Amino acid sequence: MKNERIRGKTVVITGASGGLGEQIAYLCAQNGANLILLARNIEKLNHLSERIHDEYGVNCPGLALDVSNPDQISAVFKRIYETEGEIDVLVNNAGYGIFSNAIDINLTDLEGMFSVNVIGLIACTREVIPHMCKRKSGHIINIASQAGKLATPKSSVYAATKHAVLGFSNSLRMELSQYGVFVTAVNPGPIHTDFFQKADPEGSYLKNLGQFILDPEKVASNIVSIMLTNHREINMPRWMNWTATLHTLAPRLVESLGRKAFFKK
């Protein structure tokens, strides 16, 4: 996968210590981009930063950031602008989910998911908007989910956070279009990452998905390939996005036909 547009550009990735964020980092480095990796686990970040720098020779500092902490966000992005310069691409990848029936979800988990998936994402985005608008250049990539298009049982709160991400992205895209700043929403289905260790500790959802689970490297490749282009959405897999589109047109039909599959969590 080649993307010469990002060579020498600076890409900031939240939630970069593993999973999809880690794969995005590797592919950006392969294309000559300078990276700033953000996550809570500084030990993992340092290991990843050293490996990327040694292998690809690009600038790749790792900074500790808990995106649920607004004060940390402000401090970290201020440091980035003071020490690393401008940000060309922001990938809002940090996020997590917990699968639970609405009646069983506890308030701590509810607040946590909204703090990270929604408020943290918006807070990080607000840090880069003035700079990108001033330069009339930049790309904000928000990792949402197919759950933000089609909510299913046991994911009500998680789906609500991703619906919020899509709503924010769609509005932001129009707001920033006059400044030449791009906004892309990425809507993957389930990806084979550590996400499910927290979302579904029993492993039943992964087991039921079988061959339909996405390869994180393939998802990352699609994301990196569209960086610094005016691309509205990435939707994977296609059949899941078609189902979500059909649900918009005929919700009762989809919910009736898909009832058995939707409850496989």
Protein backbone atom coordinates (compact mmCIF):
# COMPACT_ATOMS: atom_id res chain seq x y z
CA MET A 1 0.00 0.00 0.00
CA LYS A 2 1.52 3.32 -1.13
CA ASN A 3 0.50 6.84 -0.15
CA GLU A 4 3.13 9.39 -1.14
CA ARG A 5 0.92 12.22 0.15
CA ILE A 6 1.88 11.47 3.75
CA ARG A 7 5.64 11.26 3.21
CA GLY A 8 7.25 13.75 5.59
CA LYS A 9 3.86 14.65 7.08
CA THR A 10 3.02 14.34 10.77
CA VAL A 11 0.34 11.85 11.79
CA VAL A 12 -1.02 11.72 15.36
CA ILE A 13 -2.72 8.50 16.43
CA THR A 14 -4.64 8.03 19.69
CA GLY A 15 -4.99 4.55 21.13
CA ALA A 16 -1.78 3.67 19.30
CA SER A 17 -0.31 1.08 21.67
CA GLY A 18 -1.98 -1.92 20.04
CA GLY A 19 -4.62 -3.25 17.68
CA LEU A 20 -5.76 -1.05 14.83
CA GLY A 21 -3.80 1.98 16.05
CA GLU A 22 -0.55 0.03 16.00
CA GLN A 23 -1.20 -1.24 12.47
CA ILE A 24 -1.98 2.28 11.25
CA ALA A 25 1.31 3.46 12.77
CA TYR A 26 3.35 0.79 10.98
CA LEU A 27 1.78 1.53 7.59
CA CYS A 28 2.22 5.29 8.01
CA ALA A 29 5.88 4.73 8.84
CA GLN A 30 6.30 2.52 5.76
CA ASN A 31 5.10 5.49 3.72
CA GLY A 32 7.59 7.88 5.30
CA ALA A 33 5.25 9.74 7.64
CA ASN A 34 6.46 11.10 10.96
CA LEU A 35 4.37 9.81 13.83
CA ILE A 36 3.24 10.87 17.28
CA LEU A 37 1.77 7.95 19.17
CA LEU A 38 -0.65 8.54 22.05
CA ALA A 39 -2.01 6.01 24.54
CA ARG A 40 -2.22 5.35 28.26
CA ASN A 41 0.37 2.55 28.27
CA ILE A 42 3.67 4.41 27.87
CA GLU A 43 5.69 1.20 28.13
CA LYS A 44 4.01 -0.28 25.06
CA LEU A 45 4.28 3.05 23.25
CA ASN A 46 8.01 3.31 23.89
CA HIS A 47 8.57 -0.21 22.59
CA LEU A 48 6.53 0.53 19.47
CA SER A 49 8.24 3.89 18.93
CA GLU A 50 11.70 2.36 19.13
CA ARG A 51 10.79 -0.44 16.75
CA ILE A 52 9.28 1.92 14.17
CA HIS A 53 12.20 4.36 14.40
CA ASP A 54 14.78 1.58 14.06
CA GLU A 55 12.99 -0.07 11.14
CA TYR A 56 11.84 2.95 9.14
CA GLY A 57 13.98 5.84 10.39
CA VAL A 58 11.05 8.19 10.93
CA ASN A 59 10.40 10.47 13.88
CA CYS A 60 8.08 8.57 16.22
CA PRO A 61 7.75 9.82 19.81
CA GLY A 62 5.23 8.21 22.15
CA LEU A 63 3.36 10.31 24.70
CA ALA A 64 1.16 9.08 27.53
CA LEU A 65 -2.44 10.23 27.16
CA ASP A 66 -5.70 9.20 28.78
CA VAL A 67 -8.30 10.67 26.41
CA SER A 68 -10.91 10.60 29.17
CA ASN A 69 -8.91 13.36 30.91
CA PRO A 70 -9.54 16.77 29.23
CA ASP A 71 -6.66 18.45 31.08
CA GLN A 72 -4.23 15.81 29.81
CA ILE A 73 -5.49 16.30 26.28
CA SER A 74 -4.85 20.04 26.35
CA ALA A 75 -1.39 19.59 27.86
CA VAL A 76 -0.31 16.85 25.45
CA PHE A 77 -1.45 18.64 22.30
CA LYS A 78 0.15 21.88 23.50
CA ARG A 79 3.40 19.99 23.91
CA ILE A 80 3.07 18.46 20.45
CA TYR A 81 2.64 21.84 18.78
CA GLU A 82 5.51 23.34 20.76
CA THR A 83 8.02 20.53 20.22
CA GLU A 84 6.96 18.66 17.07
CA GLY A 85 5.30 21.33 14.93
CA GLU A 86 2.11 21.10 12.91
CA ILE A 87 -0.20 18.09 12.77
CA ASP A 88 -1.24 17.04 9.27
CA VAL A 89 -3.43 14.04 10.15
CA LEU A 90 -5.22 13.21 13.39
CA VAL A 91 -6.51 9.66 13.78
CA ASN A 92 -8.98 9.44 16.65
CA ASN A 93 -8.64 5.72 17.27
CA ALA A 94 -8.89 5.44 21.07
CA GLY A 95 -12.07 3.76 22.18
CA TYR A 96 -13.57 0.71 23.80
CA GLY A 97 -16.85 -1.08 24.28
CA ILE A 98 -18.59 -3.32 26.78
CA PHE A 99 -21.33 -5.61 25.54
CA SER A 100 -24.20 -5.73 27.99
CA ASN A 101 -27.96 -5.52 28.00
CA ALA A 102 -29.11 -1.99 28.79
CA ILE A 103 -30.72 -3.13 32.03
CA ASP A 104 -27.38 -4.55 33.22
CA ILE A 105 -24.96 -1.78 32.22
CA ASN A 106 -23.49 0.05 35.19
CA LEU A 107 -23.07 3.82 35.27
CA THR A 108 -19.30 3.63 35.57
CA ASP A 109 -19.03 1.72 32.28
CA LEU A 110 -21.59 4.03 30.65
CA GLU A 111 -19.67 7.15 31.67
CA GLY A 112 -16.36 5.56 30.69
CA MET A 113 -17.45 4.72 27.17
CA PHE A 114 -18.84 8.18 26.55
CA SER A 115 -15.77 9.83 28.11
CA VAL A 116 -13.36 7.98 25.83
CA ASN A 117 -15.35 7.29 22.67
CA VAL A 118 -17.14 10.63 22.39
CA ILE A 119 -15.95 13.40 24.69
CA GLY A 120 -12.28 12.44 24.38
CA LEU A 121 -12.53 12.20 20.59
CA ILE A 122 -14.19 15.61 20.36
CA ALA A 123 -11.70 17.16 22.78
CA CYS A 124 -8.71 15.88 20.76
CA THR A 125 -10.31 17.14 17.56
CA ARG A 126 -10.86 20.62 19.03
CA GLU A 127 -7.13 20.87 19.70
CA VAL A 128 -6.25 20.56 16.01
CA ILE A 129 -9.14 22.42 14.35
CA PRO A 130 -7.79 26.00 14.75
CA HIS A 131 -4.36 25.04 13.41
CA MET A 132 -5.69 23.09 10.43
CA CYS A 133 -8.19 25.81 9.52
CA LYS A 134 -5.48 28.46 9.70
CA ARG A 135 -3.25 26.42 7.39
CA LYS A 136 -6.24 25.40 5.21
CA SER A 137 -4.91 21.88 5.28
CA GLY A 138 -5.34 18.75 7.35
CA HIS A 139 -7.27 15.53 7.80
CA ILE A 140 -9.26 14.30 10.79
CA ILE A 141 -10.05 10.58 10.77
CA ASN A 142 -12.55 9.33 13.33
CA ILE A 143 -12.77 5.61 13.99
CA ALA A 144 -16.48 4.98 14.43
CA SER A 145 -18.14 1.60 13.81
CA GLN A 146 -20.82 -0.21 11.88
CA ALA A 147 -22.53 -0.20 15.29
CA GLY A 148 -22.97 3.52 14.74
CA LYS A 149 -25.12 2.72 11.72
CA LEU A 150 -26.95 -0.37 12.91
CA ALA A 151 -27.35 -0.92 16.65
CA THR A 152 -27.88 -4.48 17.82
CA PRO A 153 -28.76 -6.10 21.17
CA LYS A 154 -26.18 -5.97 24.00
CA SER A 155 -24.41 -2.99 22.40
CA SER A 156 -26.88 -0.20 23.16
CA VAL A 157 -24.44 2.10 24.97
CA TYR A 158 -21.48 1.32 22.72
CA ALA A 159 -23.68 1.88 19.65
CA ALA A 160 -24.90 5.15 21.14
CA THR A 161 -21.32 6.39 21.44
CA LYS A 162 -20.58 5.49 17.83
CA HIS A 163 -23.81 7.12 16.61
CA ALA A 164 -22.51 10.23 18.38
CA VAL A 165 -19.14 9.95 16.61
CA LEU A 166 -20.88 9.73 13.24
CA GLY A 167 -23.11 12.70 14.02
CA PHE A 168 -20.11 14.75 15.09
CA SER A 169 -18.11 13.71 12.02
CA ASN A 170 -20.92 14.53 9.58
CA SER A 171 -21.42 17.99 11.02
CA LEU A 172 -17.70 18.67 11.34
CA ARG A 173 -17.12 17.64 7.72
CA MET A 174 -19.44 20.38 6.49
CA GLU A 175 -18.05 22.97 8.90
CA LEU A 176 -14.44 22.39 7.84
CA SER A 177 -15.03 21.95 4.11
CA GLN A 178 -14.74 25.71 3.60
CA TYR A 179 -11.21 25.55 5.01
CA GLY A 180 -9.99 22.64 2.92
CA VAL A 181 -9.79 20.33 5.95
CA PHE A 182 -10.97 16.76 5.36
CA VAL A 183 -13.03 14.64 7.78
CA THR A 184 -13.41 10.89 7.33
CA ALA A 185 -15.48 8.48 9.42
CA VAL A 186 -14.27 4.88 9.49
CA ASN A 187 -16.99 2.30 10.13
CA PRO A 188 -15.52 -1.17 10.51
CA GLY A 189 -17.32 -4.25 11.64
CA PRO A 190 -15.68 -6.43 14.30
CA ILE A 191 -11.87 -6.44 14.05
CA HIS A 192 -9.57 -9.14 15.39
CA THR A 193 -7.96 -7.07 18.16
CA ASP A 194 -7.85 -6.98 21.98
CA PHE A 195 -11.10 -4.95 21.86
CA PHE A 196 -13.08 -8.11 22.62
CA GLN A 197 -11.12 -8.96 25.76
CA LYS A 198 -13.02 -6.13 27.43
CA ALA A 199 -16.16 -6.04 25.29
CA ASP A 200 -16.89 -9.76 25.40
CA PRO A 201 -14.74 -11.59 27.99
CA GLU A 202 -16.58 -14.89 27.43
CA GLY A 203 -15.56 -14.89 23.76
CA SER A 204 -18.98 -15.94 22.46
CA TYR A 205 -19.27 -13.06 19.99
CA LEU A 206 -15.91 -13.77 18.35
CA LYS A 207 -16.74 -17.46 18.18
CA ASN A 208 -20.06 -16.76 16.47
CA LEU A 209 -18.48 -14.36 13.97
CA GLY A 210 -15.95 -16.89 12.74
CA GLN A 211 -14.62 -15.96 9.29
CA PHE A 212 -16.46 -12.63 9.22
CA ILE A 213 -14.07 -10.86 11.59
CA LEU A 214 -11.82 -8.25 9.95
CA ASP A 215 -8.03 -8.31 9.74
CA PRO A 216 -6.69 -5.16 11.49
CA GLU A 217 -3.90 -4.76 8.93
CA LYS A 218 -6.41 -4.69 6.07
CA VAL A 219 -8.53 -2.08 7.85
CA ALA A 220 -5.41 -0.02 8.57
CA SER A 221 -4.33 -0.26 4.93
CA ASN A 222 -7.64 1.19 3.76
CA ILE A 223 -7.34 4.03 6.27
CA VAL A 224 -3.76 4.96 5.40
CA SER A 225 -4.47 4.80 1.66
CA ILE A 226 -7.02 7.66 1.88
CA MET A 227 -5.04 9.97 4.16
CA LEU A 228 -4.99 13.58 2.93
CA THR A 229 -7.78 12.92 0.43
CA ASN A 230 -11.37 14.11 0.61
CA HIS A 231 -12.92 10.76 1.51
CA ARG A 232 -16.24 10.76 3.35
CA GLU A 233 -16.34 7.26 4.84
CA ILE A 234 -14.67 3.88 4.92
CA ASN A 235 -17.13 1.05 5.47
CA MET A 236 -16.02 -2.53 6.10
CA PRO A 237 -17.14 -5.17 5.38
CA ARG A 238 -19.35 -4.16 2.50
CA TRP A 239 -22.12 -6.64 3.27
CA MET A 240 -22.47 -5.24 6.80
CA ASN A 241 -22.72 -1.70 5.44
CA TRP A 242 -25.34 -2.86 2.91
CA THR A 243 -27.30 -4.31 5.83
CA ALA A 244 -27.09 -0.99 7.69
CA THR A 245 -28.23 0.88 4.57
CA LEU A 246 -31.16 -1.51 4.11
CA HIS A 247 -32.03 -1.06 7.77
CA THR A 248 -32.38 2.69 7.18
CA LEU A 249 -34.84 1.98 4.36
CA ALA A 250 -36.70 -0.98 5.88
CA PRO A 251 -35.90 -1.28 9.60
CA ARG A 252 -38.67 -3.71 10.51
CA LEU A 253 -37.70 -6.09 7.73
CA VAL A 254 -34.01 -6.14 8.69
CA GLU A 255 -34.74 -6.50 12.41
CA SER A 256 -37.12 -9.37 11.68
CA LEU A 257 -34.86 -11.25 9.28
CA GLY A 258 -31.71 -10.58 11.27
CA ARG A 259 -33.10 -11.20 14.75
CA LYS A 260 -31.30 -14.50 15.30
CA ALA A 261 -27.96 -13.15 14.11
CA PHE A 262 -28.28 -9.89 16.06
CA PHE A 263 -28.61 -11.79 19.34
CA LYS A 264 -25.36 -13.71 18.81
CA LYS A 265 -23.37 -11.75 21.40
